[in-house]
Amino acid sequence: MVARVWKVTSFIYCDGSIERTTMVGRIAVVIPDHDYGHIEQFHQNVRLPNGMENSLYAEEFAIMKADSIRTQIEREHGGALAILSDNRDAIRNVGLRNVELIPYSSLHYADAYLKKLIQRLGYLRRSEGKVTRRKTITPVQAEVALLARSSNLDFHLSKSPLFSLISQ
């Protein structure tokens, strides 16, 4: 890892994933210090020639989106934001100087958002037709449903039950 030469005032967590069953790509960008979250779906370049999901592209797309958000925040509010990703190959391929590999032991907020979202969608698909009466949905489940329906959504982390759960 290259030593940082600028003073970072905040971190942007980003992650990308592709749902195997639907072949829908999703990215999450989370900036706790700015009370900002972003979820986005994408459908381009989700499948490799062998039919498998193109997870590397999802990670690269998440980094590029995080960089465009970073540019806008730095222009409007100043400061220096570093982007954190968990994919070394995506970081290398994108080639931006302000992207770092997230430390292994750190909480990865964007990854946590995508995992909860994909787990809930998988559960709903697997249980469809088997469950006759579902329990009343929790605020976290309601938020996950909103995130799943949204193709492009910006939201405040302070109003997110899922963020409260993740950051406990």
N, C-alpha and C. Protein backbone atom coordinates (compact mmCIF):
# COMPACT_ATOMS: atom_id res chain seq x y z
N MET A 1 0.84 -1.18 0.00
CA MET A 1 0.00 0.00 0.00
C MET A 1 0.89 1.24 0.00
N VAL A 2 0.51 2.20 -0.81
CA VAL A 2 1.26 3.45 -0.91
C VAL A 2 0.88 4.35 0.25
N ALA A 3 1.86 5.02 0.83
CA ALA A 3 1.59 5.94 1.94
C ALA A 3 0.77 7.13 1.44
N ARG A 4 -0.17 7.52 2.25
CA ARG A 4 -1.04 8.66 1.93
C ARG A 4 -0.24 9.94 2.05
N VAL A 5 -0.37 10.83 1.06
CA VAL A 5 0.38 12.09 1.08
C VAL A 5 -0.53 13.30 1.31
N TRP A 6 -1.82 13.09 1.46
CA TRP A 6 -2.73 14.20 1.73
C TRP A 6 -3.45 13.92 3.04
N LYS A 7 -3.95 14.96 3.67
CA LYS A 7 -4.63 14.82 4.95
C LYS A 7 -6.11 14.51 4.70
N VAL A 8 -6.51 13.31 5.06
CA VAL A 8 -7.88 12.86 4.85
C VAL A 8 -8.76 13.37 5.98
N THR A 9 -9.90 13.95 5.60
CA THR A 9 -10.84 14.44 6.61
C THR A 9 -12.02 13.49 6.78
N SER A 10 -12.22 12.57 5.84
CA SER A 10 -13.36 11.67 5.91
C SER A 10 -13.13 10.49 4.97
N PHE A 11 -13.87 9.40 5.21
CA PHE A 11 -13.75 8.21 4.38
C PHE A 11 -15.07 7.90 3.68
N ILE A 12 -14.94 7.41 2.46
CA ILE A 12 -16.08 6.96 1.66
C ILE A 12 -15.93 5.44 1.53
N TYR A 13 -16.94 4.72 1.98
CA TYR A 13 -16.95 3.27 1.86
C TYR A 13 -17.77 2.91 0.62
N CYS A 14 -17.21 2.05 -0.23
CA CYS A 14 -17.97 1.66 -1.42
C CYS A 14 -17.83 0.16 -1.64
N ASP A 15 -18.87 -0.41 -2.24
CA ASP A 15 -18.86 -1.84 -2.53
C ASP A 15 -19.82 -2.10 -3.68
N GLY A 16 -19.54 -3.15 -4.43
CA GLY A 16 -20.39 -3.54 -5.55
C GLY A 16 -20.63 -5.03 -5.52
N SER A 17 -21.78 -5.43 -6.03
CA SER A 17 -22.13 -6.84 -6.03
C SER A 17 -23.14 -7.10 -7.16
N ILE A 18 -23.23 -8.35 -7.57
CA ILE A 18 -24.22 -8.75 -8.57
C ILE A 18 -24.99 -9.93 -8.00
N GLU A 19 -26.31 -9.82 -8.01
CA GLU A 19 -27.15 -10.91 -7.53
C GLU A 19 -27.15 -12.02 -8.57
N ARG A 20 -26.77 -13.20 -8.15
CA ARG A 20 -26.64 -14.33 -9.06
C ARG A 20 -27.96 -14.72 -9.73
N THR A 21 -29.03 -14.72 -8.96
CA THR A 21 -30.30 -15.22 -9.50
C THR A 21 -30.94 -14.24 -10.47
N THR A 22 -30.77 -12.95 -10.27
CA THR A 22 -31.41 -11.96 -11.14
C THR A 22 -30.44 -11.29 -12.09
N MET A 23 -29.14 -11.44 -11.84
CA MET A 23 -28.09 -10.77 -12.60
C MET A 23 -28.32 -9.26 -12.65
N VAL A 24 -28.68 -8.71 -11.50
CA VAL A 24 -28.81 -7.27 -11.32
C VAL A 24 -27.63 -6.82 -10.46
N GLY A 25 -26.91 -5.83 -10.94
CA GLY A 25 -25.79 -5.29 -10.19
C GLY A 25 -26.26 -4.20 -9.25
N ARG A 26 -25.61 -4.11 -8.10
CA ARG A 26 -25.93 -3.06 -7.13
C ARG A 26 -24.63 -2.54 -6.55
N ILE A 27 -24.62 -1.24 -6.29
CA ILE A 27 -23.50 -0.65 -5.58
C ILE A 27 -24.03 0.11 -4.37
N ALA A 28 -23.18 0.23 -3.38
CA ALA A 28 -23.49 1.03 -2.20
C ALA A 28 -22.31 1.94 -1.93
N VAL A 29 -22.62 3.19 -1.60
CA VAL A 29 -21.61 4.18 -1.20
C VAL A 29 -22.10 4.76 0.11
N VAL A 30 -21.26 4.72 1.14
CA VAL A 30 -21.65 5.18 2.47
C VAL A 30 -20.57 6.12 3.00
N ILE A 31 -21.00 7.31 3.45
CA ILE A 31 -20.09 8.31 4.01
C ILE A 31 -20.63 8.72 5.38
N PRO A 32 -20.25 8.01 6.44
CA PRO A 32 -20.81 8.30 7.77
C PRO A 32 -20.60 9.74 8.23
N ASP A 33 -19.44 10.32 7.97
CA ASP A 33 -19.16 11.69 8.43
C ASP A 33 -20.01 12.74 7.73
N HIS A 34 -20.63 12.39 6.62
CA HIS A 34 -21.47 13.34 5.89
C HIS A 34 -22.94 12.92 5.90
N ASP A 35 -23.28 11.90 6.74
CA ASP A 35 -24.66 11.45 6.87
C ASP A 35 -25.25 11.10 5.50
N TYR A 36 -24.47 10.41 4.69
CA TYR A 36 -24.86 10.18 3.30
C TYR A 36 -24.73 8.71 2.92
N GLY A 37 -25.77 8.22 2.25
CA GLY A 37 -25.72 6.89 1.69
C GLY A 37 -26.29 6.91 0.28
N HIS A 38 -25.83 5.99 -0.54
CA HIS A 38 -26.29 5.91 -1.94
C HIS A 38 -26.35 4.43 -2.33
N ILE A 39 -27.48 4.04 -2.92
CA ILE A 39 -27.65 2.70 -3.47
C ILE A 39 -28.04 2.88 -4.94
N GLU A 40 -27.46 2.05 -5.78
CA GLU A 40 -27.77 2.15 -7.21
C GLU A 40 -27.75 0.78 -7.85
N GLN A 41 -28.71 0.55 -8.75
CA GLN A 41 -28.72 -0.68 -9.54
C GLN A 41 -28.08 -0.40 -10.89
N PHE A 42 -27.50 -1.44 -11.47
CA PHE A 42 -27.02 -1.33 -12.85
C PHE A 42 -27.22 -2.66 -13.55
N HIS A 43 -27.33 -2.60 -14.85
CA HIS A 43 -27.60 -3.80 -15.65
C HIS A 43 -26.55 -4.04 -16.73
N GLN A 44 -25.65 -3.09 -16.93
CA GLN A 44 -24.65 -3.24 -17.97
C GLN A 44 -23.44 -4.02 -17.44
N ASN A 45 -22.89 -4.86 -18.30
CA ASN A 45 -21.64 -5.57 -18.01
C ASN A 45 -21.72 -6.42 -16.75
N VAL A 46 -22.87 -7.05 -16.50
CA VAL A 46 -23.03 -7.86 -15.28
C VAL A 46 -22.61 -9.31 -15.47
N ARG A 47 -22.52 -9.75 -16.72
CA ARG A 47 -22.24 -11.17 -16.97
C ARG A 47 -20.93 -11.32 -17.75
N LEU A 48 -20.11 -12.25 -17.31
CA LEU A 48 -18.88 -12.59 -18.02
C LEU A 48 -19.21 -13.51 -19.20
N PRO A 49 -18.30 -13.68 -20.16
CA PRO A 49 -18.58 -14.57 -21.30
C PRO A 49 -18.94 -16.01 -20.88
N ASN A 50 -18.45 -16.46 -19.72
CA ASN A 50 -18.75 -17.81 -19.26
C ASN A 50 -20.09 -17.89 -18.51
N GLY A 51 -20.81 -16.77 -18.43
CA GLY A 51 -22.12 -16.76 -17.78
C GLY A 51 -22.11 -16.38 -16.31
N MET A 52 -20.94 -16.32 -15.72
CA MET A 52 -20.83 -15.95 -14.30
C MET A 52 -20.97 -14.44 -14.14
N GLU A 53 -21.25 -14.01 -12.92
CA GLU A 53 -21.40 -12.58 -12.67
C GLU A 53 -20.04 -11.88 -12.71
N ASN A 54 -20.04 -10.67 -13.22
CA ASN A 54 -18.82 -9.88 -13.37
C ASN A 54 -18.62 -9.02 -12.11
N SER A 55 -18.23 -9.66 -11.03
CA SER A 55 -18.10 -8.99 -9.74
C SER A 55 -17.02 -7.91 -9.75
N LEU A 56 -15.96 -8.13 -10.50
CA LEU A 56 -14.90 -7.13 -10.57
C LEU A 56 -15.44 -5.82 -11.16
N TYR A 57 -16.27 -5.92 -12.20
CA TYR A 57 -16.85 -4.71 -12.77
C TYR A 57 -17.73 -4.00 -11.74
N ALA A 58 -18.48 -4.75 -10.95
CA ALA A 58 -19.34 -4.16 -9.92
C ALA A 58 -18.50 -3.35 -8.93
N GLU A 59 -17.36 -3.90 -8.53
CA GLU A 59 -16.46 -3.20 -7.60
C GLU A 59 -15.88 -1.94 -8.25
N GLU A 60 -15.48 -2.07 -9.52
CA GLU A 60 -14.93 -0.90 -10.23
C GLU A 60 -15.99 0.18 -10.39
N PHE A 61 -17.21 -0.22 -10.72
CA PHE A 61 -18.30 0.73 -10.88
C PHE A 61 -18.57 1.46 -9.55
N ALA A 62 -18.51 0.73 -8.44
CA ALA A 62 -18.71 1.34 -7.12
C ALA A 62 -17.62 2.37 -6.82
N ILE A 63 -16.39 2.05 -7.16
CA ILE A 63 -15.28 3.00 -6.92
C ILE A 63 -15.46 4.24 -7.78
N MET A 64 -15.84 4.06 -9.05
CA MET A 64 -16.03 5.22 -9.93
C MET A 64 -17.18 6.11 -9.45
N LYS A 65 -18.26 5.49 -8.97
CA LYS A 65 -19.38 6.27 -8.43
C LYS A 65 -18.94 6.99 -7.16
N ALA A 66 -18.21 6.32 -6.29
CA ALA A 66 -17.71 6.95 -5.07
C ALA A 66 -16.81 8.13 -5.40
N ASP A 67 -16.03 7.99 -6.46
CA ASP A 67 -15.14 9.10 -6.86
C ASP A 67 -15.93 10.30 -7.36
N SER A 68 -17.01 10.06 -8.09
CA SER A 68 -17.82 11.21 -8.56
C SER A 68 -18.51 11.89 -7.38
N ILE A 69 -18.94 11.12 -6.40
CA ILE A 69 -19.54 11.69 -5.19
C ILE A 69 -18.48 12.45 -4.39
N ARG A 70 -17.28 11.88 -4.30
CA ARG A 70 -16.17 12.53 -3.60
C ARG A 70 -15.86 13.89 -4.22
N THR A 71 -15.79 13.93 -5.54
CA THR A 71 -15.50 15.19 -6.23
C THR A 71 -16.54 16.25 -5.91
N GLN A 72 -17.80 15.86 -5.92
CA GLN A 72 -18.88 16.80 -5.64
C GLN A 72 -18.81 17.30 -4.19
N ILE A 73 -18.58 16.41 -3.24
CA ILE A 73 -18.51 16.81 -1.83
C ILE A 73 -17.31 17.72 -1.58
N GLU A 74 -16.16 17.38 -2.14
CA GLU A 74 -14.98 18.22 -1.95
C GLU A 74 -15.18 19.61 -2.56
N ARG A 75 -15.86 19.66 -3.69
CA ARG A 75 -16.13 20.96 -4.33
C ARG A 75 -17.08 21.81 -3.47
N GLU A 76 -18.10 21.18 -2.91
CA GLU A 76 -19.11 21.91 -2.14
C GLU A 76 -18.70 22.20 -0.71
N HIS A 77 -17.97 21.27 -0.06
CA HIS A 77 -17.68 21.39 1.36
C HIS A 77 -16.20 21.47 1.71
N GLY A 78 -15.34 21.24 0.75
CA GLY A 78 -13.91 21.22 1.03
C GLY A 78 -13.51 19.91 1.68
N GLY A 79 -12.30 19.87 2.18
CA GLY A 79 -11.79 18.66 2.81
C GLY A 79 -11.22 17.70 1.79
N ALA A 80 -10.70 16.62 2.28
CA ALA A 80 -10.13 15.58 1.43
C ALA A 80 -10.70 14.24 1.86
N LEU A 81 -11.38 13.57 0.96
CA LEU A 81 -12.00 12.29 1.26
C LEU A 81 -11.23 11.16 0.59
N ALA A 82 -11.03 10.08 1.31
CA ALA A 82 -10.40 8.89 0.75
C ALA A 82 -11.48 7.83 0.55
N ILE A 83 -11.39 7.12 -0.54
CA ILE A 83 -12.33 6.05 -0.86
C ILE A 83 -11.75 4.74 -0.36
N LEU A 84 -12.58 3.95 0.32
CA LEU A 84 -12.15 2.64 0.82
C LEU A 84 -12.92 1.55 0.07
N SER A 85 -12.18 0.59 -0.45
CA SER A 85 -12.76 -0.54 -1.16
C SER A 85 -12.13 -1.82 -0.64
N ASP A 86 -12.82 -2.94 -0.80
CA ASP A 86 -12.27 -4.21 -0.33
C ASP A 86 -11.72 -5.07 -1.46
N ASN A 87 -11.57 -4.51 -2.65
CA ASN A 87 -11.11 -5.29 -3.79
C ASN A 87 -9.84 -4.69 -4.39
N ARG A 88 -8.73 -5.33 -4.11
CA ARG A 88 -7.42 -4.85 -4.56
C ARG A 88 -7.33 -4.74 -6.08
N ASP A 89 -7.90 -5.71 -6.82
CA ASP A 89 -7.84 -5.67 -8.28
C ASP A 89 -8.64 -4.49 -8.84
N ALA A 90 -9.81 -4.24 -8.27
CA ALA A 90 -10.62 -3.11 -8.73
C ALA A 90 -9.89 -1.79 -8.47
N ILE A 91 -9.26 -1.67 -7.32
CA ILE A 91 -8.51 -0.47 -6.99
C ILE A 91 -7.39 -0.24 -8.02
N ARG A 92 -6.68 -1.31 -8.34
CA ARG A 92 -5.59 -1.22 -9.32
C ARG A 92 -6.13 -0.87 -10.71
N ASN A 93 -7.22 -1.52 -11.11
CA ASN A 93 -7.77 -1.30 -12.45
C ASN A 93 -8.30 0.11 -12.64
N VAL A 94 -8.95 0.67 -11.62
CA VAL A 94 -9.50 2.02 -11.73
C VAL A 94 -8.38 3.04 -11.72
N GLY A 95 -7.36 2.81 -10.90
CA GLY A 95 -6.16 3.64 -10.93
C GLY A 95 -6.29 5.04 -10.36
N LEU A 96 -7.17 5.25 -9.43
CA LEU A 96 -7.30 6.57 -8.80
C LEU A 96 -6.38 6.64 -7.59
N ARG A 97 -5.79 7.81 -7.35
CA ARG A 97 -4.82 7.94 -6.26
C ARG A 97 -5.46 8.01 -4.88
N ASN A 98 -6.73 8.33 -4.80
CA ASN A 98 -7.38 8.52 -3.51
C ASN A 98 -8.20 7.31 -3.07
N VAL A 99 -7.90 6.13 -3.61
CA VAL A 99 -8.61 4.90 -3.24
C VAL A 99 -7.64 4.00 -2.48
N GLU A 100 -8.11 3.49 -1.35
CA GLU A 100 -7.29 2.63 -0.51
C GLU A 100 -8.02 1.33 -0.23
N LEU A 101 -7.25 0.30 0.07
CA LEU A 101 -7.81 -0.98 0.49
C LEU A 101 -8.26 -0.83 1.94
N ILE A 102 -9.49 -1.19 2.20
CA ILE A 102 -10.00 -1.06 3.57
C ILE A 102 -9.29 -2.08 4.45
N PRO A 103 -8.85 -1.67 5.64
CA PRO A 103 -8.20 -2.62 6.54
C PRO A 103 -9.13 -3.79 6.85
N TYR A 104 -8.59 -4.98 6.91
CA TYR A 104 -9.38 -6.20 7.09
C TYR A 104 -10.28 -6.15 8.32
N SER A 105 -9.80 -5.61 9.40
CA SER A 105 -10.55 -5.63 10.66
C SER A 105 -11.56 -4.49 10.79
N SER A 106 -11.62 -3.60 9.81
CA SER A 106 -12.52 -2.45 9.88
C SER A 106 -13.94 -2.82 9.45
N LEU A 107 -14.90 -2.11 10.03
CA LEU A 107 -16.28 -2.27 9.61
C LEU A 107 -16.44 -1.64 8.22
N HIS A 108 -16.96 -2.42 7.30
CA HIS A 108 -17.15 -1.96 5.93
C HIS A 108 -18.65 -1.69 5.74
N TYR A 109 -19.04 -0.42 5.91
CA TYR A 109 -20.44 -0.05 5.90
C TYR A 109 -21.14 -0.40 4.59
N ALA A 110 -20.52 -0.11 3.47
CA ALA A 110 -21.15 -0.37 2.17
C ALA A 110 -21.37 -1.86 1.96
N ASP A 111 -20.39 -2.66 2.34
CA ASP A 111 -20.51 -4.12 2.23
C ASP A 111 -21.66 -4.62 3.11
N ALA A 112 -21.78 -4.08 4.30
CA ALA A 112 -22.85 -4.48 5.21
C ALA A 112 -24.23 -4.15 4.61
N TYR A 113 -24.37 -2.99 3.98
CA TYR A 113 -25.63 -2.63 3.32
C TYR A 113 -25.98 -3.64 2.24
N LEU A 114 -25.02 -3.93 1.37
CA LEU A 114 -25.30 -4.86 0.27
C LEU A 114 -25.61 -6.26 0.77
N LYS A 115 -24.90 -6.71 1.79
CA LYS A 115 -25.16 -8.05 2.33
C LYS A 115 -26.57 -8.15 2.88
N LYS A 116 -26.99 -7.18 3.67
CA LYS A 116 -28.34 -7.20 4.23
C LYS A 116 -29.39 -7.17 3.12
N LEU A 117 -29.16 -6.35 2.13
CA LEU A 117 -30.09 -6.22 1.01
C LEU A 117 -30.21 -7.55 0.26
N ILE A 118 -29.10 -8.13 -0.10
CA ILE A 118 -29.10 -9.37 -0.89
C ILE A 118 -29.62 -10.54 -0.06
N GLN A 119 -29.30 -10.59 1.24
CA GLN A 119 -29.83 -11.65 2.10
C GLN A 119 -31.35 -11.60 2.17
N ARG A 120 -31.89 -10.39 2.36
CA ARG A 120 -33.34 -10.25 2.47
C ARG A 120 -34.03 -10.62 1.16
N LEU A 121 -33.49 -10.17 0.04
CA LEU A 121 -34.09 -10.50 -1.25
C LEU A 121 -34.05 -12.01 -1.49
N GLY A 122 -32.93 -12.64 -1.13
CA GLY A 122 -32.81 -14.09 -1.28
C GLY A 122 -33.82 -14.83 -0.41
N TYR A 123 -33.98 -14.38 0.82
CA TYR A 123 -34.96 -15.00 1.72
C TYR A 123 -36.37 -14.89 1.15
N LEU A 124 -36.72 -13.70 0.67
CA LEU A 124 -38.07 -13.50 0.12
C LEU A 124 -38.31 -14.39 -1.10
N ARG A 125 -37.30 -14.53 -1.96
CA ARG A 125 -37.44 -15.40 -3.14
C ARG A 125 -37.59 -16.86 -2.72
N ARG A 126 -36.75 -17.31 -1.79
CA ARG A 126 -36.79 -18.71 -1.37
C ARG A 126 -38.09 -19.07 -0.65
N SER A 127 -38.64 -18.12 0.08
CA SER A 127 -39.83 -18.42 0.89
C SER A 127 -41.14 -18.10 0.17
N GLU A 128 -41.05 -17.56 -1.04
CA GLU A 128 -42.26 -17.21 -1.78
C GLU A 128 -43.10 -18.46 -2.02
N GLY A 129 -44.37 -18.38 -1.68
CA GLY A 129 -45.28 -19.51 -1.84
C GLY A 129 -45.23 -20.49 -0.69
N LYS A 130 -44.22 -20.42 0.17
CA LYS A 130 -44.10 -21.34 1.31
C LYS A 130 -44.62 -20.70 2.60
N VAL A 131 -44.48 -19.40 2.70
CA VAL A 131 -44.90 -18.70 3.90
C VAL A 131 -46.30 -18.13 3.65
N THR A 132 -47.25 -18.52 4.49
CA THR A 132 -48.62 -18.06 4.28
C THR A 132 -48.90 -16.75 5.00
N ARG A 133 -48.27 -16.54 6.15
CA ARG A 133 -48.45 -15.27 6.89
C ARG A 133 -47.11 -14.82 7.43
N ARG A 134 -46.64 -13.72 6.91
CA ARG A 134 -45.38 -13.17 7.40
C ARG A 134 -45.63 -12.32 8.62
N LYS A 135 -44.63 -12.25 9.48
CA LYS A 135 -44.70 -11.34 10.61
C LYS A 135 -44.70 -9.92 10.08
N THR A 136 -45.15 -9.00 10.90
CA THR A 136 -45.10 -7.59 10.53
C THR A 136 -43.65 -7.22 10.28
N ILE A 137 -43.41 -6.50 9.19
CA ILE A 137 -42.03 -6.19 8.86
C ILE A 137 -41.47 -5.14 9.83
N THR A 138 -40.20 -5.26 10.08
CA THR A 138 -39.51 -4.34 10.97
C THR A 138 -39.10 -3.10 10.18
N PRO A 139 -38.72 -2.02 10.87
CA PRO A 139 -38.23 -0.84 10.14
C PRO A 139 -37.01 -1.15 9.25
N VAL A 140 -36.14 -2.04 9.71
CA VAL A 140 -34.98 -2.42 8.89
C VAL A 140 -35.44 -3.13 7.62
N GLN A 141 -36.39 -4.05 7.75
CA GLN A 141 -36.89 -4.77 6.58
C GLN A 141 -37.61 -3.83 5.62
N ALA A 142 -38.33 -2.85 6.16
CA ALA A 142 -39.00 -1.86 5.31
C ALA A 142 -37.98 -1.04 4.53
N GLU A 143 -36.89 -0.66 5.21
CA GLU A 143 -35.84 0.09 4.51
C GLU A 143 -35.17 -0.76 3.44
N VAL A 144 -34.90 -2.01 3.75
CA VAL A 144 -34.28 -2.90 2.77
C VAL A 144 -35.20 -3.05 1.56
N ALA A 145 -36.51 -3.14 1.77
CA ALA A 145 -37.45 -3.23 0.66
C ALA A 145 -37.40 -1.97 -0.20
N LEU A 146 -37.32 -0.81 0.44
CA LEU A 146 -37.20 0.45 -0.30
C LEU A 146 -35.90 0.47 -1.12
N LEU A 147 -34.80 0.06 -0.50
CA LEU A 147 -33.52 0.03 -1.21
C LEU A 147 -33.57 -0.94 -2.39
N ALA A 148 -34.25 -2.07 -2.22
CA ALA A 148 -34.34 -3.07 -3.28
C ALA A 148 -35.16 -2.56 -4.47
N ARG A 149 -36.20 -1.78 -4.20
CA ARG A 149 -37.05 -1.25 -5.28
C ARG A 149 -36.41 -0.06 -5.99
N SER A 150 -35.47 0.58 -5.35
CA SER A 150 -34.89 1.81 -5.89
C SER A 150 -33.79 1.51 -6.89
N SER A 151 -33.84 2.18 -8.02
CA SER A 151 -32.77 2.00 -8.99
C SER A 151 -31.62 2.96 -8.71
N ASN A 152 -31.91 4.07 -8.02
CA ASN A 152 -30.89 5.07 -7.72
C ASN A 152 -31.42 5.91 -6.56
N LEU A 153 -30.83 5.77 -5.37
CA LEU A 153 -31.38 6.43 -4.19
C LEU A 153 -30.27 7.00 -3.32
N ASP A 154 -30.41 8.28 -2.98
CA ASP A 154 -29.56 8.92 -1.98
C ASP A 154 -30.38 9.00 -0.69
N PHE A 155 -29.74 8.78 0.46
CA PHE A 155 -30.48 8.80 1.72
C PHE A 155 -29.58 9.27 2.86
N HIS A 156 -30.22 9.72 3.94
CA HIS A 156 -29.52 10.17 5.14
C HIS A 156 -29.30 8.98 6.06
N LEU A 157 -28.07 8.76 6.46
CA LEU A 157 -27.77 7.65 7.36
C LEU A 157 -28.42 7.85 8.72
N SER A 158 -28.58 9.10 9.14
CA SER A 158 -29.19 9.37 10.44
C SER A 158 -30.65 8.93 10.49
N LYS A 159 -31.28 8.75 9.34
CA LYS A 159 -32.67 8.31 9.28
C LYS A 159 -32.79 6.85 8.87
N SER A 160 -31.67 6.14 8.85
CA SER A 160 -31.62 4.77 8.37
C SER A 160 -31.59 3.77 9.53
N PRO A 161 -32.68 2.99 9.72
CA PRO A 161 -32.65 1.96 10.75
C PRO A 161 -31.56 0.91 10.47
N LEU A 162 -31.30 0.65 9.20
CA LEU A 162 -30.26 -0.31 8.84
C LEU A 162 -28.87 0.19 9.26
N PHE A 163 -28.60 1.47 9.05
CA PHE A 163 -27.32 2.03 9.46
C PHE A 163 -27.17 1.96 10.99
N SER A 164 -28.25 2.24 11.70
CA SER A 164 -28.21 2.14 13.17
C SER A 164 -27.86 0.72 13.60
N LEU A 165 -28.45 -0.26 12.93
CA LEU A 165 -28.19 -1.68 13.24
C LEU A 165 -26.73 -2.04 12.92
N ILE A 166 -26.26 -1.62 11.76
CA ILE A 166 -24.91 -1.96 11.30
C ILE A 166 -23.85 -1.34 12.21
N SER A 167 -24.07 -0.11 12.62
CA SER A 167 -23.02 0.61 13.35
C SER A 167 -23.05 0.40 14.86
N GLN A 168 -23.90 -0.49 15.34
CA GLN A 168 -23.93 -0.79 16.79
C GLN A 168 -22.69 -1.48 17.25
